[in-house]
Amino acid sequence: MDFNDYQASDLAACLALFDQNCPKYFAENERQGYQQYLASTQDIYKVGSIGGELVAAFGINIDSSRKTGRVTWIMVSPNMQGRGVGEAMMNDALECLRHEGLDTMLIAASHLSAPFFAKFGAQELETIAHGWGPNMHRVDMKISLK
């Protein structure tokens, strides 16, 4: 799996990846926010490809003053779930944050994706019912990087 920095030419493939994960993992009303994020983010945003096909994407927001990093807009093609792609993404993100000398990874997951993050030691901080939209509950989590 190759991870590269997001380029504007990846927009259509990233939106298609979002659509593949909607409405199961993202609320439909989040698409516009994702598109705006891609257009204006200062975060590190990476895309993962296999055989030239974009199959994964994730962002990393670094807050050095708080020694925290946050993963954002993390998604995997449903066709690639269970094949180690998500694990590769998380390992890349965790390595990046550790390289920056940060203490904590913060995650804003859905109730459906929270079990995935728990596999990496993420602990639940708070659950907000319908936090991402109707029947899409937000689960705030953290992973200690120490």
C-alpha atoms as a PDB file:
ATOM      1  CA  MET A   1       0.000   0.000   0.000  1.00  0.00           C
ATOM      2  CA  ASP A   2       1.365   3.380  -0.984  1.00  0.00           C
ATOM      3  CA  PHE A   3       0.363   6.557   0.864  1.00  0.00           C
ATOM      4  CA  ASN A   4       0.859   9.902  -0.837  1.00  0.00           C
ATOM      5  CA  ASP A   5      -0.072  13.468  -0.012  1.00  0.00           C
ATOM      6  CA  TYR A   6      -3.525  14.474  -1.248  1.00  0.00           C
ATOM      7  CA  GLN A   7      -3.541  16.439  -4.506  1.00  0.00           C
ATOM      8  CA  ALA A   8      -6.446  18.399  -5.994  1.00  0.00           C
ATOM      9  CA  SER A   9      -6.541  15.768  -8.756  1.00  0.00           C
ATOM     10  CA  ASP A  10      -7.604  13.232  -6.063  1.00  0.00           C
ATOM     11  CA  LEU A  11     -10.851  15.123  -5.329  1.00  0.00           C
ATOM     12  CA  ALA A  12     -13.214  13.019  -7.454  1.00  0.00           C
ATOM     13  CA  ALA A  13     -11.740   9.735  -6.151  1.00  0.00           C
ATOM     14  CA  CYS A  14     -11.958  10.962  -2.536  1.00  0.00           C
ATOM     15  CA  LEU A  15     -15.589  11.990  -2.969  1.00  0.00           C
ATOM     16  CA  ALA A  16     -16.334   8.619  -4.568  1.00  0.00           C
ATOM     17  CA  LEU A  17     -14.676   6.939  -1.570  1.00  0.00           C
ATOM     18  CA  PHE A  18     -16.857   9.018   0.766  1.00  0.00           C
ATOM     19  CA  ASP A  19     -19.953   8.012  -1.217  1.00  0.00           C
ATOM     20  CA  GLN A  20     -18.987   4.331  -0.926  1.00  0.00           C
ATOM     21  CA  ASN A  21     -18.938   4.742   2.871  1.00  0.00           C
ATOM     22  CA  CYS A  22     -22.207   6.646   3.070  1.00  0.00           C
ATOM     23  CA  PRO A  23     -24.638   6.198   4.752  1.00  0.00           C
ATOM     24  CA  LYS A  24     -23.088   3.292   6.657  1.00  0.00           C
ATOM     25  CA  TYR A  25     -20.107   5.142   8.182  1.00  0.00           C
ATOM     26  CA  PHE A  26     -20.817   8.801   7.390  1.00  0.00           C
ATOM     27  CA  ALA A  27     -24.034  10.781   7.466  1.00  0.00           C
ATOM     28  CA  GLU A  28     -25.048  12.076   4.040  1.00  0.00           C
ATOM     29  CA  ASN A  29     -25.065  15.646   5.336  1.00  0.00           C
ATOM     30  CA  GLU A  30     -21.287  15.369   5.966  1.00  0.00           C
ATOM     31  CA  ARG A  31     -20.330  15.207   2.267  1.00  0.00           C
ATOM     32  CA  GLN A  32     -20.299  18.973   1.783  1.00  0.00           C
ATOM     33  CA  GLY A  33     -18.134  19.390   4.881  1.00  0.00           C
ATOM     34  CA  TYR A  34     -15.700  16.795   3.559  1.00  0.00           C
ATOM     35  CA  GLN A  35     -15.501  18.537   0.191  1.00  0.00           C
ATOM     36  CA  GLN A  36     -14.868  21.894   1.896  1.00  0.00           C
ATOM     37  CA  TYR A  37     -12.202  20.269   4.087  1.00  0.00           C
ATOM     38  CA  LEU A  38     -10.391  18.931   1.024  1.00  0.00           C
ATOM     39  CA  ALA A  39     -10.541  22.346  -0.644  1.00  0.00           C
ATOM     40  CA  SER A  40      -9.093  24.278   2.268  1.00  0.00           C
ATOM     41  CA  THR A  41      -7.323  22.042   4.771  1.00  0.00           C
ATOM     42  CA  GLN A  42      -3.920  22.843   6.175  1.00  0.00           C
ATOM     43  CA  ASP A  43      -3.801  19.364   7.723  1.00  0.00           C
ATOM     44  CA  ILE A  44      -1.689  16.540   6.414  1.00  0.00           C
ATOM     45  CA  TYR A  45      -4.075  14.560   4.208  1.00  0.00           C
ATOM     46  CA  LYS A  46      -3.001  11.282   2.662  1.00  0.00           C
ATOM     47  CA  VAL A  47      -4.494   8.944   0.133  1.00  0.00           C
ATOM     48  CA  GLY A  48      -3.722   5.257  -0.136  1.00  0.00           C
ATOM     49  CA  SER A  49      -3.634   3.410  -3.412  1.00  0.00           C
ATOM     50  CA  ILE A  50      -3.331  -0.178  -4.491  1.00  0.00           C
ATOM     51  CA  GLY A  51      -2.639  -0.844  -8.145  1.00  0.00           C
ATOM     52  CA  GLY A  52      -3.302   2.813  -8.966  1.00  0.00           C
ATOM     53  CA  GLU A  53      -6.765   2.773  -7.382  1.00  0.00           C
ATOM     54  CA  LEU A  54      -7.448   5.118  -4.468  1.00  0.00           C
ATOM     55  CA  VAL A  55      -8.801   2.874  -1.703  1.00  0.00           C
ATOM     56  CA  ALA A  56      -8.148   4.857   1.488  1.00  0.00           C
ATOM     57  CA  ALA A  57      -7.783   8.395   2.785  1.00  0.00           C
ATOM     58  CA  PHE A  58      -7.094  10.074   6.117  1.00  0.00           C
ATOM     59  CA  GLY A  59      -6.032  13.369   7.591  1.00  0.00           C
ATOM     60  CA  ILE A  60      -3.778  14.300  10.464  1.00  0.00           C
ATOM     61  CA  ASN A  61      -4.196  17.555  12.352  1.00  0.00           C
ATOM     62  CA  ILE A  62      -1.274  18.420  14.647  1.00  0.00           C
ATOM     63  CA  ASP A  63      -1.597  20.676  17.688  1.00  0.00           C
ATOM     64  CA  SER A  64       1.989  20.932  18.932  1.00  0.00           C
ATOM     65  CA  SER A  65       1.053  23.283  21.767  1.00  0.00           C
ATOM     66  CA  ARG A  66      -1.150  20.557  23.293  1.00  0.00           C
ATOM     67  CA  LYS A  67       1.068  17.675  22.123  1.00  0.00           C
ATOM     68  CA  THR A  68      -1.935  16.104  20.420  1.00  0.00           C
ATOM     69  CA  GLY A  69      -2.791  14.965  16.941  1.00  0.00           C
ATOM     70  CA  ARG A  70      -6.189  14.210  15.530  1.00  0.00           C
ATOM     71  CA  VAL A  71      -7.060  11.836  12.712  1.00  0.00           C
ATOM     72  CA  THR A  72      -9.695  13.293  10.425  1.00  0.00           C
ATOM     73  CA  TRP A  73     -11.867  12.004   7.619  1.00  0.00           C
ATOM     74  CA  ILE A  74     -10.462   8.483   7.765  1.00  0.00           C
ATOM     75  CA  MET A  75     -12.073   6.071   5.317  1.00  0.00           C
ATOM     76  CA  VAL A  76     -11.438   2.817   3.458  1.00  0.00           C
ATOM     77  CA  SER A  77     -13.159   1.438   0.395  1.00  0.00           C
ATOM     78  CA  PRO A  78     -15.729  -1.134   1.551  1.00  0.00           C
ATOM     79  CA  ASN A  79     -14.190  -3.556  -0.979  1.00  0.00           C
ATOM     80  CA  MET A  80     -10.884  -3.343   0.918  1.00  0.00           C
ATOM     81  CA  GLN A  81     -12.175  -3.611   4.484  1.00  0.00           C
ATOM     82  CA  GLY A  82     -10.756  -6.564   6.347  1.00  0.00           C
ATOM     83  CA  ARG A  83      -7.635  -6.671   4.159  1.00  0.00           C
ATOM     84  CA  GLY A  84      -5.259  -4.658   6.343  1.00  0.00           C
ATOM     85  CA  VAL A  85      -5.783  -1.290   4.642  1.00  0.00           C
ATOM     86  CA  GLY A  86      -7.233   0.359   7.765  1.00  0.00           C
ATOM     87  CA  GLU A  87      -4.432  -1.076   9.863  1.00  0.00           C
ATOM     88  CA  ALA A  88      -1.854   0.327   7.421  1.00  0.00           C
ATOM     89  CA  MET A  89      -3.521   3.757   7.634  1.00  0.00           C
ATOM     90  CA  MET A  90      -3.577   3.754  11.412  1.00  0.00           C
ATOM     91  CA  ASN A  91       0.033   2.614  11.625  1.00  0.00           C
ATOM     92  CA  ASP A  92       1.064   5.410   9.245  1.00  0.00           C
ATOM     93  CA  ALA A  93      -0.888   8.005  11.259  1.00  0.00           C
ATOM     94  CA  LEU A  94       0.474   6.771  14.600  1.00  0.00           C
ATOM     95  CA  GLU A  95       4.030   6.794  13.248  1.00  0.00           C
ATOM     96  CA  CYS A  96       3.586  10.353  11.979  1.00  0.00           C
ATOM     97  CA  LEU A  97       2.297  11.576  15.349  1.00  0.00           C
ATOM     98  CA  ARG A  98       5.057   9.814  17.280  1.00  0.00           C
ATOM     99  CA  HIS A  99       7.632  11.306  14.901  1.00  0.00           C
ATOM    100  CA  GLU A 100       6.234  14.744  15.779  1.00  0.00           C
ATOM    101  CA  GLY A 101       6.800  13.950  19.486  1.00  0.00           C
ATOM    102  CA  LEU A 102       3.109  14.086  20.376  1.00  0.00           C
ATOM    103  CA  ASP A 103       1.539  12.403  23.408  1.00  0.00           C
ATOM    104  CA  THR A 104      -2.020  11.680  22.287  1.00  0.00           C
ATOM    105  CA  MET A 105      -4.043  10.844  19.185  1.00  0.00           C
ATOM    106  CA  LEU A 106      -7.618  12.144  19.304  1.00  0.00           C
ATOM    107  CA  ILE A 107     -10.348  10.528  17.245  1.00  0.00           C
ATOM    108  CA  ALA A 108     -13.911  11.612  16.539  1.00  0.00           C
ATOM    109  CA  ALA A 109     -15.470   8.359  15.337  1.00  0.00           C
ATOM    110  CA  SER A 110     -18.975   7.141  14.746  1.00  0.00           C
ATOM    111  CA  HIS A 111     -20.504   4.409  16.866  1.00  0.00           C
ATOM    112  CA  LEU A 112     -19.904   2.103  13.891  1.00  0.00           C
ATOM    113  CA  SER A 113     -16.197   2.863  13.449  1.00  0.00           C
ATOM    114  CA  ALA A 114     -15.311   3.138  17.157  1.00  0.00           C
ATOM    115  CA  PRO A 115     -14.655  -0.629  17.504  1.00  0.00           C
ATOM    116  CA  PHE A 116     -12.007  -0.366  14.770  1.00  0.00           C
ATOM    117  CA  PHE A 117     -10.133   2.321  16.707  1.00  0.00           C
ATOM    118  CA  ALA A 118     -10.480   0.344  19.933  1.00  0.00           C
ATOM    119  CA  LYS A 119      -8.285  -2.345  18.332  1.00  0.00           C
ATOM    120  CA  PHE A 120      -5.444   0.194  18.487  1.00  0.00           C
ATOM    121  CA  GLY A 121      -6.031   0.973  22.149  1.00  0.00           C
ATOM    122  CA  ALA A 122      -8.414   3.904  21.681  1.00  0.00           C
ATOM    123  CA  GLN A 123     -10.397   4.683  24.797  1.00  0.00           C
ATOM    124  CA  GLU A 124     -13.837   6.236  24.683  1.00  0.00           C
ATOM    125  CA  LEU A 125     -14.066   9.721  26.179  1.00  0.00           C
ATOM    126  CA  GLU A 126     -17.643  10.653  25.318  1.00  0.00           C
ATOM    127  CA  THR A 127     -20.560   9.595  23.138  1.00  0.00           C
ATOM    128  CA  ILE A 128     -22.877  12.192  21.632  1.00  0.00           C
ATOM    129  CA  ALA A 129     -26.171  10.776  20.401  1.00  0.00           C
ATOM    130  CA  HIS A 130     -26.862  11.804  16.784  1.00  0.00           C
ATOM    131  CA  GLY A 131     -23.622  13.840  16.877  1.00  0.00           C
ATOM    132  CA  TRP A 132     -22.927  13.308  13.180  1.00  0.00           C
ATOM    133  CA  GLY A 133     -26.558  13.312  12.048  1.00  0.00           C
ATOM    134  CA  PRO A 134     -29.703  11.212  12.537  1.00  0.00           C
ATOM    135  CA  ASN A 135     -28.793   7.802  13.984  1.00  0.00           C
ATOM    136  CA  MET A 136     -25.062   8.514  13.511  1.00  0.00           C
ATOM    137  CA  HIS A 137     -23.643   8.815  17.004  1.00  0.00           C
ATOM    138  CA  ARG A 138     -20.313  10.549  17.606  1.00  0.00           C
ATOM    139  CA  VAL A 139     -17.766   8.782  19.806  1.00  0.00           C
ATOM    140  CA  ASP A 140     -14.789  10.841  20.954  1.00  0.00           C
ATOM    141  CA  MET A 141     -11.757   8.677  21.686  1.00  0.00           C
ATOM    142  CA  LYS A 142      -8.045   8.943  22.446  1.00  0.00           C
ATOM    143  CA  ILE A 143      -4.929   6.818  22.083  1.00  0.00           C
ATOM    144  CA  SER A 144      -1.895   7.398  24.275  1.00  0.00           C
ATOM    145  CA  LEU A 145       1.250   7.577  22.143  1.00  0.00           C
ATOM    146  CA  LYS A 146       3.629   7.037  25.055  1.00  0.00           C
END
